[in-house]
Structures are given as C-alpha cells and as structure tokens.
Amino acid sequence: GGWSYVASSIQPGHHYRLTAHYRTKAVSHEQLRVVARLDWQDASQK
C-alpha cells in the first residue's frame, strides 16, 4: 500500500505527465516493490 491523491479537472483524451521522485532503504528489487501509477476515474469515482 502507500499514499494516494485524487486530482480532478482531468479531460478525456488529453495527455498527462506524472513525475515522482523517490529513494529507498533496505528495499531489494525496487522494480517490483516500488510503484507509481495513475488510476483514472469517472464522475462517480469508478
């Protein structure tokens, strides 16, 4: 799990860039264990 933030004012078909900086301690295989993603939602939060 982790942290989440819901951003509004998204326009369908428009392009977006996410940039996030991170550093780790005692985490092996970061490519499997450290994840950043965008989960798109409609007006009903689905």
All heavy atoms as atom14 arrays in JSON, in Angstrom:
{
  "sequence": "GGWSYVASSIQPGHHYRLTAHYRTKAVSHEQLRVVARLDWQDASQK",
  "atom14_mask": [
    [1, 1, 1, 1, 0, 0, 0, 0, 0, 0, 0, 0, 0, 0],
    [1, 1, 1, 1, 0, 0, 0, 0, 0, 0, 0, 0, 0, 0],
    [1, 1, 1, 1, 1, 1, 1, 1, 1, 1, 1, 1, 1, 1],
    [1, 1, 1, 1, 1, 1, 0, 0, 0, 0, 0, 0, 0, 0],
    [1, 1, 1, 1, 1, 1, 1, 1, 1, 1, 1, 1, 0, 0],
    [1, 1, 1, 1, 1, 1, 1, 0, 0, 0, 0, 0, 0, 0],
    [1, 1, 1, 1, 1, 0, 0, 0, 0, 0, 0, 0, 0, 0],
    [1, 1, 1, 1, 1, 1, 0, 0, 0, 0, 0, 0, 0, 0],
    [1, 1, 1, 1, 1, 1, 0, 0, 0, 0, 0, 0, 0, 0],
    [1, 1, 1, 1, 1, 1, 1, 1, 0, 0, 0, 0, 0, 0],
    [1, 1, 1, 1, 1, 1, 1, 1, 1, 0, 0, 0, 0, 0],
    [1, 1, 1, 1, 1, 1, 1, 0, 0, 0, 0, 0, 0, 0],
    [1, 1, 1, 1, 0, 0, 0, 0, 0, 0, 0, 0, 0, 0],
    [1, 1, 1, 1, 1, 1, 1, 1, 1, 1, 0, 0, 0, 0],
    [1, 1, 1, 1, 1, 1, 1, 1, 1, 1, 0, 0, 0, 0],
    [1, 1, 1, 1, 1, 1, 1, 1, 1, 1, 1, 1, 0, 0],
    [1, 1, 1, 1, 1, 1, 1, 1, 1, 1, 1, 0, 0, 0],
    [1, 1, 1, 1, 1, 1, 1, 1, 0, 0, 0, 0, 0, 0],
    [1, 1, 1, 1, 1, 1, 1, 0, 0, 0, 0, 0, 0, 0],
    [1, 1, 1, 1, 1, 0, 0, 0, 0, 0, 0, 0, 0, 0],
    [1, 1, 1, 1, 1, 1, 1, 1, 1, 1, 0, 0, 0, 0],
    [1, 1, 1, 1, 1, 1, 1, 1, 1, 1, 1, 1, 0, 0],
    [1, 1, 1, 1, 1, 1, 1, 1, 1, 1, 1, 0, 0, 0],
    [1, 1, 1, 1, 1, 1, 1, 0, 0, 0, 0, 0, 0, 0],
    [1, 1, 1, 1, 1, 1, 1, 1, 1, 0, 0, 0, 0, 0],
    [1, 1, 1, 1, 1, 0, 0, 0, 0, 0, 0, 0, 0, 0],
    [1, 1, 1, 1, 1, 1, 1, 0, 0, 0, 0, 0, 0, 0],
    [1, 1, 1, 1, 1, 1, 0, 0, 0, 0, 0, 0, 0, 0],
    [1, 1, 1, 1, 1, 1, 1, 1, 1, 1, 0, 0, 0, 0],
    [1, 1, 1, 1, 1, 1, 1, 1, 1, 0, 0, 0, 0, 0],
    [1, 1, 1, 1, 1, 1, 1, 1, 1, 0, 0, 0, 0, 0],
    [1, 1, 1, 1, 1, 1, 1, 1, 0, 0, 0, 0, 0, 0],
    [1, 1, 1, 1, 1, 1, 1, 1, 1, 1, 1, 0, 0, 0],
    [1, 1, 1, 1, 1, 1, 1, 0, 0, 0, 0, 0, 0, 0],
    [1, 1, 1, 1, 1, 1, 1, 0, 0, 0, 0, 0, 0, 0],
    [1, 1, 1, 1, 1, 0, 0, 0, 0, 0, 0, 0, 0, 0],
    [1, 1, 1, 1, 1, 1, 1, 1, 1, 1, 1, 0, 0, 0],
    [1, 1, 1, 1, 1, 1, 1, 1, 0, 0, 0, 0, 0, 0],
    [1, 1, 1, 1, 1, 1, 1, 1, 0, 0, 0, 0, 0, 0],
    [1, 1, 1, 1, 1, 1, 1, 1, 1, 1, 1, 1, 1, 1],
    [1, 1, 1, 1, 1, 1, 1, 1, 1, 0, 0, 0, 0, 0],
    [1, 1, 1, 1, 1, 1, 1, 1, 0, 0, 0, 0, 0, 0],
    [1, 1, 1, 1, 1, 0, 0, 0, 0, 0, 0, 0, 0, 0],
    [1, 1, 1, 1, 1, 1, 0, 0, 0, 0, 0, 0, 0, 0],
    [1, 1, 1, 1, 1, 1, 1, 1, 1, 0, 0, 0, 0, 0],
    [1, 1, 1, 1, 1, 1, 1, 1, 1, 0, 0, 0, 0, 0]
  ],
  "atom14_positions": [
    [[0.84, -1.2, 0.0], [0.0, 0.0, 0.0], [0.87, 1.24, 0.0], [2.04, 1.2, -0.35], [0.0, 0.0, 0.0], [0.0, 0.0, 0.0], [0.0, 0.0, 0.0], [0.0, 0.0, 0.0], [0.0, 0.0, 0.0], [0.0, 0.0, 0.0], [0.0, 0.0, 0.0], [0.0, 0.0, 0.0], [0.0, 0.0, 0.0], [0.0, 0.0, 0.0]],
    [[0.28, 2.36, 0.39], [1.05, 3.6, 0.41], [0.17, 4.82, 0.48], [-0.79, 4.88, 1.25], [0.0, 0.0, 0.0], [0.0, 0.0, 0.0], [0.0, 0.0, 0.0], [0.0, 0.0, 0.0], [0.0, 0.0, 0.0], [0.0, 0.0, 0.0], [0.0, 0.0, 0.0], [0.0, 0.0, 0.0], [0.0, 0.0, 0.0], [0.0, 0.0, 0.0]],
    [[0.47, 5.79, -0.36], [-0.21, 7.08, -0.37], [-0.97, 7.26, -1.69], [-0.52, 6.82, -2.74], [0.79, 8.22, -0.23], [1.43, 8.31, 1.12], [2.67, 7.85, 1.48], [0.88, 8.9, 2.3], [2.93, 8.12, 2.8], [1.84, 8.77, 3.34], [-0.34, 9.52, 2.58], [1.63, 9.24, 4.62], [-0.56, 9.99, 3.88], [0.41, 9.85, 4.87]],
    [[-2.11, 7.96, -1.6], [-2.89, 8.27, -2.81], [-3.38, 9.71, -2.75], [-3.58, 10.28, -1.67], [-4.08, 7.32, -2.96], [-5.05, 7.55, -1.94], [0.0, 0.0, 0.0], [0.0, 0.0, 0.0], [0.0, 0.0, 0.0], [0.0, 0.0, 0.0], [0.0, 0.0, 0.0], [0.0, 0.0, 0.0], [0.0, 0.0, 0.0], [0.0, 0.0, 0.0]],
    [[-3.58, 10.26, -3.93], [-4.05, 11.66, -4.07], [-4.97, 11.7, -5.28], [-4.59, 11.25, -6.36], [-2.86, 12.59, -4.28], [-3.2, 14.07, -4.37], [-2.97, 14.92, -3.3], [-3.73, 14.61, -5.54], [-3.26, 16.28, -3.38], [-4.03, 15.96, -5.63], [-3.8, 16.79, -4.55], [-4.09, 18.13, -4.63], [0.0, 0.0, 0.0], [0.0, 0.0, 0.0]],
    [[-6.17, 12.24, -5.1], [-7.13, 12.33, -6.2], [-7.09, 13.74, -6.8], [-7.34, 14.72, -6.1], [-8.56, 11.99, -5.74], [-9.54, 12.15, -6.9], [-8.62, 10.56, -5.2], [0.0, 0.0, 0.0], [0.0, 0.0, 0.0], [0.0, 0.0, 0.0], [0.0, 0.0, 0.0], [0.0, 0.0, 0.0], [0.0, 0.0, 0.0], [0.0, 0.0, 0.0]],
    [[-6.74, 13.81, -8.08], [-6.69, 15.08, -8.8], [-7.89, 15.18, -9.73], [-8.19, 14.23, -10.47], [-5.4, 15.19, -9.6], [0.0, 0.0, 0.0], [0.0, 0.0, 0.0], [0.0, 0.0, 0.0], [0.0, 0.0, 0.0], [0.0, 0.0, 0.0], [0.0, 0.0, 0.0], [0.0, 0.0, 0.0], [0.0, 0.0, 0.0], [0.0, 0.0, 0.0]],
    [[-8.58, 16.29, -9.7], [-9.75, 16.5, -10.55], [-9.36, 17.31, -11.78], [-8.17, 17.52, -12.06], [-10.85, 17.21, -9.76], [-10.37, 18.43, -9.23], [0.0, 0.0, 0.0], [0.0, 0.0, 0.0], [0.0, 0.0, 0.0], [0.0, 0.0, 0.0], [0.0, 0.0, 0.0], [0.0, 0.0, 0.0], [0.0, 0.0, 0.0], [0.0, 0.0, 0.0]],
    [[-10.36, 17.76, -12.53], [-10.17, 18.59, -13.73], [-9.42, 17.86, -14.84], [-8.71, 18.48, -15.64], [-9.43, 19.9, -13.38], [-10.15, 20.63, -12.4], [0.0, 0.0, 0.0], [0.0, 0.0, 0.0], [0.0, 0.0, 0.0], [0.0, 0.0, 0.0], [0.0, 0.0, 0.0], [0.0, 0.0, 0.0], [0.0, 0.0, 0.0], [0.0, 0.0, 0.0]],
    [[-9.58, 16.53, -14.89], [-8.99, 15.74, -15.97], [-9.91, 15.78, -17.19], [-11.14, 15.69, -17.06], [-8.77, 14.29, -15.52], [-7.77, 14.24, -14.37], [-8.33, 13.41, -16.69], [-6.38, 14.73, -14.72], [0.0, 0.0, 0.0], [0.0, 0.0, 0.0], [0.0, 0.0, 0.0], [0.0, 0.0, 0.0], [0.0, 0.0, 0.0], [0.0, 0.0, 0.0]],
    [[-9.32, 15.91, -18.38], [-10.08, 15.96, -19.62], [-9.83, 14.69, -20.44], [-8.68, 14.36, -20.74], [-9.66, 17.19, -20.45], [-9.88, 18.52, -19.75], [-11.36, 18.82, -19.54], [-12.19, 18.51, -20.4], [-11.69, 19.41, -18.4], [0.0, 0.0, 0.0], [0.0, 0.0, 0.0], [0.0, 0.0, 0.0], [0.0, 0.0, 0.0], [0.0, 0.0, 0.0]],
    [[-10.89, 13.97, -20.8], [-10.7, 12.74, -21.6], [-9.95, 13.04, -22.9], [-10.21, 14.03, -23.57], [-12.12, 12.27, -21.88], [-12.96, 12.9, -20.81], [-12.31, 14.21, -20.5], [0.0, 0.0, 0.0], [0.0, 0.0, 0.0], [0.0, 0.0, 0.0], [0.0, 0.0, 0.0], [0.0, 0.0, 0.0], [0.0, 0.0, 0.0], [0.0, 0.0, 0.0]],
    [[-9.01, 12.18, -23.23], [-8.25, 12.35, -24.46], [-7.05, 13.27, -24.34], [-6.19, 13.27, -25.23], [0.0, 0.0, 0.0], [0.0, 0.0, 0.0], [0.0, 0.0, 0.0], [0.0, 0.0, 0.0], [0.0, 0.0, 0.0], [0.0, 0.0, 0.0], [0.0, 0.0, 0.0], [0.0, 0.0, 0.0], [0.0, 0.0, 0.0], [0.0, 0.0, 0.0]],
    [[-6.98, 14.07, -23.28], [-5.82, 14.92, -23.09], [-4.67, 14.09, -22.51], [-4.89, 13.06, -21.87], [-6.15, 16.08, -22.16], [-7.06, 17.1, -22.77], [-7.03, 18.45, -22.43], [-8.04, 16.98, -23.71], [-7.95, 19.1, -23.14], [-8.57, 18.22, -23.92], [0.0, 0.0, 0.0], [0.0, 0.0, 0.0], [0.0, 0.0, 0.0], [0.0, 0.0, 0.0]],
    [[-3.46, 14.56, -22.71], [-2.28, 13.81, -22.28], [-1.71, 14.43, -21.01], [-1.69, 15.66, -20.84], [-1.21, 13.81, -23.38], [-1.56, 12.92, -24.53], [-2.55, 13.22, -25.44], [-1.06, 11.7, -24.92], [-2.65, 12.26, -26.33], [-1.76, 11.34, -26.04], [0.0, 0.0, 0.0], [0.0, 0.0, 0.0], [0.0, 0.0, 0.0], [0.0, 0.0, 0.0]],
    [[-1.22, 13.55, -20.13], [-0.71, 13.99, -18.83], [0.62, 13.31, -18.52], [0.88, 12.19, -18.95], [-1.73, 13.67, -17.72], [-3.03, 14.42, -17.9], [-4.05, 13.88, -18.69], [-3.21, 15.67, -17.33], [-5.23, 14.57, -18.88], [-4.4, 16.37, -17.51], [-5.4, 15.82, -18.3], [-6.57, 16.52, -18.5], [0.0, 0.0, 0.0], [0.0, 0.0, 0.0]],
    [[1.44, 14.04, -17.77], [2.72, 13.51, -17.32], [2.76, 13.5, -15.79], [2.47, 14.49, -15.14], [3.88, 14.34, -17.84], [5.25, 13.85, -17.35], [6.36, 14.85, -17.64], [6.56, 15.02, -19.07], [6.59, 16.19, -19.69], [6.41, 17.3, -19.0], [6.78, 16.25, -20.99], [0.0, 0.0, 0.0], [0.0, 0.0, 0.0], [0.0, 0.0, 0.0]],
    [[3.13, 12.33, -15.25], [3.38, 12.2, -13.81], [4.88, 12.09, -13.59], [5.55, 11.27, -14.22], [2.69, 10.96, -13.24], [3.02, 10.61, -11.78], [2.47, 11.68, -10.84], [2.51, 9.23, -11.41], [0.0, 0.0, 0.0], [0.0, 0.0, 0.0], [0.0, 0.0, 0.0], [0.0, 0.0, 0.0], [0.0, 0.0, 0.0], [0.0, 0.0, 0.0]],
    [[5.39, 12.91, -12.68], [6.79, 12.83, -12.27], [6.82, 12.67, -10.76], [6.15, 13.43, -10.05], [7.58, 14.08, -12.68], [7.45, 14.28, -14.09], [9.05, 13.93, -12.33], [0.0, 0.0, 0.0], [0.0, 0.0, 0.0], [0.0, 0.0, 0.0], [0.0, 0.0, 0.0], [0.0, 0.0, 0.0], [0.0, 0.0, 0.0], [0.0, 0.0, 0.0]],
    [[7.55, 11.71, -10.26], [7.65, 11.5, -8.81], [9.06, 11.05, -8.47], [9.61, 10.17, -9.13], [6.64, 10.45, -8.35], [0.0, 0.0, 0.0], [0.0, 0.0, 0.0], [0.0, 0.0, 0.0], [0.0, 0.0, 0.0], [0.0, 0.0, 0.0], [0.0, 0.0, 0.0], [0.0, 0.0, 0.0], [0.0, 0.0, 0.0], [0.0, 0.0, 0.0]],
    [[9.64, 11.66, -7.44], [10.99, 11.32, -7.01], [10.93, 10.44, -5.76], [10.08, 10.65, -4.89], [11.79, 12.59, -6.72], [12.04, 13.43, -7.92], [11.1, 14.32, -8.42], [13.11, 13.52, -8.76], [11.58, 14.92, -9.49], [12.79, 14.45, -9.72], [0.0, 0.0, 0.0], [0.0, 0.0, 0.0], [0.0, 0.0, 0.0], [0.0, 0.0, 0.0]],
    [[11.84, 9.49, -5.67], [11.84, 8.61, -4.51], [13.26, 8.14, -4.19], [14.16, 8.18, -5.02], [10.94, 7.38, -4.76], [11.52, 6.34, -5.67], [12.24, 5.26, -5.15], [11.38, 6.42, -7.06], [12.79, 4.3, -5.99], [11.92, 5.46, -7.9], [12.63, 4.4, -7.35], [13.19, 3.45, -8.18], [0.0, 0.0, 0.0], [0.0, 0.0, 0.0]],
    [[13.43, 7.69, -2.96], [14.65, 7.0, -2.56], [14.26, 5.91, -1.58], [13.2, 5.98, -0.93], [15.68, 7.94, -1.95], [15.33, 8.54, -0.62], [16.43, 9.47, -0.12], [17.71, 8.76, -0.02], [18.85, 9.37, 0.35], [18.85, 10.68, 0.58], [19.97, 8.68, 0.44], [0.0, 0.0, 0.0], [0.0, 0.0, 0.0], [0.0, 0.0, 0.0]],
    [[15.07, 4.88, -1.49], [14.71, 3.72, -0.69], [15.81, 3.37, 0.31], [16.96, 3.78, 0.18], [14.45, 2.49, -1.56], [15.66, 2.14, -2.26], [13.33, 2.74, -2.56], [0.0, 0.0, 0.0], [0.0, 0.0, 0.0], [0.0, 0.0, 0.0], [0.0, 0.0, 0.0], [0.0, 0.0, 0.0], [0.0, 0.0, 0.0], [0.0, 0.0, 0.0]],
    [[15.41, 2.57, 1.3], [16.35, 1.99, 2.25], [15.91, 0.55, 2.5], [14.73, 0.3, 2.81], [16.36, 2.78, 3.56], [17.28, 2.21, 4.63], [17.22, 3.04, 5.9], [18.13, 2.45, 6.98], [18.05, 3.26, 8.25], [0.0, 0.0, 0.0], [0.0, 0.0, 0.0], [0.0, 0.0, 0.0], [0.0, 0.0, 0.0], [0.0, 0.0, 0.0]],
    [[16.82, -0.39, 2.35], [16.57, -1.81, 2.61], [15.44, -2.36, 1.75], [14.63, -3.16, 2.21], [16.28, -2.05, 4.09], [0.0, 0.0, 0.0], [0.0, 0.0, 0.0], [0.0, 0.0, 0.0], [0.0, 0.0, 0.0], [0.0, 0.0, 0.0], [0.0, 0.0, 0.0], [0.0, 0.0, 0.0], [0.0, 0.0, 0.0], [0.0, 0.0, 0.0]],
    [[15.39, -1.92, 0.49], [14.39, -2.43, -0.46], [15.14, -3.08, -1.63], [15.82, -2.38, -2.4], [13.46, -1.32, -0.98], [12.47, -1.89, -2.01], [12.71, -0.67, 0.17], [0.0, 0.0, 0.0], [0.0, 0.0, 0.0], [0.0, 0.0, 0.0], [0.0, 0.0, 0.0], [0.0, 0.0, 0.0], [0.0, 0.0, 0.0], [0.0, 0.0, 0.0]],
    [[15.02, -4.38, -1.76], [15.63, -5.08, -2.89], [14.62, -5.18, -4.03], [13.41, -5.08, -3.81], [16.08, -6.48, -2.47], [14.97, -7.25, -2.01], [0.0, 0.0, 0.0], [0.0, 0.0, 0.0], [0.0, 0.0, 0.0], [0.0, 0.0, 0.0], [0.0, 0.0, 0.0], [0.0, 0.0, 0.0], [0.0, 0.0, 0.0], [0.0, 0.0, 0.0]],
    [[15.11, -5.36, -5.24], [14.25, -5.5, -6.42], [13.22, -4.37, -6.48], [12.01, -4.6, -6.51], [13.56, -6.86, -6.42], [14.49, -8.02, -6.31], [15.39, -8.36, -7.31], [14.7, -8.92, -5.3], [16.1, -9.42, -6.93], [15.7, -9.77, -5.73], [0.0, 0.0, 0.0], [0.0, 0.0, 0.0], [0.0, 0.0, 0.0], [0.0, 0.0, 0.0]],
    [[13.73, -3.15, -6.52], [12.85, -1.98, -6.49], [11.82, -2.0, -7.61], [10.7, -1.51, -7.44], [13.68, -0.69, -6.61], [14.5, -0.38, -5.38], [15.28, 0.92, -5.56], [15.02, 1.63, -6.55], [16.14, 1.22, -4.72], [0.0, 0.0, 0.0], [0.0, 0.0, 0.0], [0.0, 0.0, 0.0], [0.0, 0.0, 0.0], [0.0, 0.0, 0.0]],
    [[12.19, -2.54, -8.76], [11.29, -2.53, -9.9], [10.01, -3.32, -9.63], [8.99, -3.12, -10.32], [11.99, -3.08, -11.16], [12.31, -4.56, -11.11], [13.63, -4.88, -10.45], [14.16, -4.07, -9.69], [14.19, -6.05, -10.76], [0.0, 0.0, 0.0], [0.0, 0.0, 0.0], [0.0, 0.0, 0.0], [0.0, 0.0, 0.0], [0.0, 0.0, 0.0]],
    [[10.03, -4.2, -8.65], [8.85, -4.96, -8.28], [8.12, -4.4, -7.06], [6.92, -4.61, -6.91], [9.24, -6.43, -7.99], [9.9, -7.2, -9.12], [10.3, -8.59, -8.63], [8.97, -7.31, -10.31], [0.0, 0.0, 0.0], [0.0, 0.0, 0.0], [0.0, 0.0, 0.0], [0.0, 0.0, 0.0], [0.0, 0.0, 0.0], [0.0, 0.0, 0.0]],
    [[8.83, -3.69, -6.22], [8.29, -3.3, -4.92], [7.96, -1.81, -4.79], [7.23, -1.43, -3.88], [9.27, -3.71, -3.81], [9.43, -5.22, -3.7], [10.39, -5.61, -2.58], [10.28, -7.02, -2.26], [11.03, -7.98, -2.8], [11.95, -7.64, -3.69], [10.86, -9.24, -2.46], [0.0, 0.0, 0.0], [0.0, 0.0, 0.0], [0.0, 0.0, 0.0]],
    [[8.51, -1.0, -5.65], [8.25, 0.45, -5.6], [7.48, 0.83, -6.87], [7.98, 0.66, -7.97], [9.56, 1.25, -5.5], [9.27, 2.74, -5.5], [10.34, 0.84, -4.25], [0.0, 0.0, 0.0], [0.0, 0.0, 0.0], [0.0, 0.0, 0.0], [0.0, 0.0, 0.0], [0.0, 0.0, 0.0], [0.0, 0.0, 0.0], [0.0, 0.0, 0.0]],
    [[6.26, 1.33, -6.69], [5.36, 1.53, -7.82], [4.73, 2.92, -7.74], [4.3, 3.37, -6.67], [4.25, 0.46, -7.85], [3.28, 0.72, -9.0], [4.85, -0.94, -7.95], [0.0, 0.0, 0.0], [0.0, 0.0, 0.0], [0.0, 0.0, 0.0], [0.0, 0.0, 0.0], [0.0, 0.0, 0.0], [0.0, 0.0, 0.0], [0.0, 0.0, 0.0]],
    [[4.64, 3.58, -8.89], [3.86, 4.82, -9.04], [2.93, 4.63, -10.22], [3.36, 4.17, -11.28], [4.77, 6.02, -9.25], [0.0, 0.0, 0.0], [0.0, 0.0, 0.0], [0.0, 0.0, 0.0], [0.0, 0.0, 0.0], [0.0, 0.0, 0.0], [0.0, 0.0, 0.0], [0.0, 0.0, 0.0], [0.0, 0.0, 0.0], [0.0, 0.0, 0.0]],
    [[1.65, 4.97, -10.05], [0.72, 4.77, -11.15], [-0.4, 5.8, -11.11], [-0.63, 6.47, -10.1], [0.14, 3.37, -11.14], [-0.93, 3.11, -10.08], [-1.53, 1.73, -10.22], [-2.71, 1.54, -9.37], [-3.45, 0.44, -9.36], [-3.14, -0.58, -10.15], [-4.51, 0.35, -8.56], [0.0, 0.0, 0.0], [0.0, 0.0, 0.0], [0.0, 0.0, 0.0]],
    [[-1.1, 5.91, -12.24], [-2.29, 6.75, -12.38], [-3.49, 5.84, -12.59], [-3.51, 5.03, -13.51], [-2.14, 7.71, -13.56], [-1.03, 8.75, -13.46], [-0.95, 9.57, -14.76], [-1.24, 9.68, -12.27], [0.0, 0.0, 0.0], [0.0, 0.0, 0.0], [0.0, 0.0, 0.0], [0.0, 0.0, 0.0], [0.0, 0.0, 0.0], [0.0, 0.0, 0.0]],
    [[-4.49, 6.0, -11.73], [-5.72, 5.21, -11.8], [-6.87, 6.16, -12.14], [-7.29, 6.96, -11.31], [-5.97, 4.51, -10.45], [-6.97, 3.37, -10.56], [-7.49, 3.15, -11.67], [-7.24, 2.72, -9.53], [0.0, 0.0, 0.0], [0.0, 0.0, 0.0], [0.0, 0.0, 0.0], [0.0, 0.0, 0.0], [0.0, 0.0, 0.0], [0.0, 0.0, 0.0]],
    [[-7.35, 6.07, -13.37], [-8.32, 7.03, -13.89], [-9.72, 6.76, -13.34], [-10.13, 5.62, -13.17], [-8.34, 6.98, -15.42], [-6.98, 7.13, -16.02], [-6.15, 6.12, -16.44], [-6.26, 8.34, -16.26], [-4.97, 6.63, -16.93], [-5.01, 7.99, -16.83], [-6.56, 9.69, -16.06], [-4.06, 8.94, -17.2], [-5.61, 10.64, -16.43], [-4.39, 10.26, -16.99]],
    [[-10.49, 7.85, -13.1], [-11.82, 7.72, -12.52], [-12.81, 8.58, -13.3], [-12.45, 9.61, -13.89], [-11.83, 8.17, -11.06], [-10.92, 7.36, -10.15], [-10.95, 7.85, -8.71], [-11.49, 8.9, -8.41], [-10.36, 7.07, -7.81], [0.0, 0.0, 0.0], [0.0, 0.0, 0.0], [0.0, 0.0, 0.0], [0.0, 0.0, 0.0], [0.0, 0.0, 0.0]],
    [[-14.08, 8.15, -13.27], [-15.14, 8.95, -13.88], [-15.8, 9.83, -12.81], [-15.32, 9.9, -11.67], [-16.17, 8.07, -14.59], [-16.88, 7.11, -13.65], [-16.8, 7.29, -12.41], [-17.54, 6.17, -14.14], [0.0, 0.0, 0.0], [0.0, 0.0, 0.0], [0.0, 0.0, 0.0], [0.0, 0.0, 0.0], [0.0, 0.0, 0.0], [0.0, 0.0, 0.0]],
    [[-16.9, 10.48, -13.17], [-17.55, 11.41, -12.25], [-18.1, 10.72, -11.01], [-18.3, 11.37, -9.98], [-18.66, 12.16, -12.98], [0.0, 0.0, 0.0], [0.0, 0.0, 0.0], [0.0, 0.0, 0.0], [0.0, 0.0, 0.0], [0.0, 0.0, 0.0], [0.0, 0.0, 0.0], [0.0, 0.0, 0.0], [0.0, 0.0, 0.0], [0.0, 0.0, 0.0]],
    [[-18.36, 9.43, -11.07], [-18.87, 8.68, -9.92], [-17.74, 7.97, -9.16], [-18.01, 7.09, -8.33], [-19.92, 7.66, -10.37], [-19.35, 6.73, -11.28], [0.0, 0.0, 0.0], [0.0, 0.0, 0.0], [0.0, 0.0, 0.0], [0.0, 0.0, 0.0], [0.0, 0.0, 0.0], [0.0, 0.0, 0.0], [0.0, 0.0, 0.0], [0.0, 0.0, 0.0]],
    [[-16.5, 8.33, -9.45], [-15.31, 7.79, -8.79], [-15.1, 6.31, -9.08], [-14.47, 5.59, -8.3], [-15.36, 8.04, -7.27], [-15.37, 9.5, -6.91], [-15.34, 9.74, -5.41], [-15.7, 8.87, -4.62], [-14.9, 10.93, -5.01], [0.0, 0.0, 0.0], [0.0, 0.0, 0.0], [0.0, 0.0, 0.0], [0.0, 0.0, 0.0], [0.0, 0.0, 0.0]],
    [[-15.62, 5.84, -10.2], [-15.38, 4.47, -10.63], [-14.23, 4.45, -11.64], [-14.04, 5.41, -12.39], [-16.64, 3.87, -11.26], [-17.79, 3.69, -10.27], [-18.99, 3.04, -10.95], [-20.12, 2.83, -9.96], [-21.32, 2.21, -10.61], [0.0, 0.0, 0.0], [0.0, 0.0, 0.0], [0.0, 0.0, 0.0], [0.0, 0.0, 0.0], [0.0, 0.0, 0.0]]
  ]
}
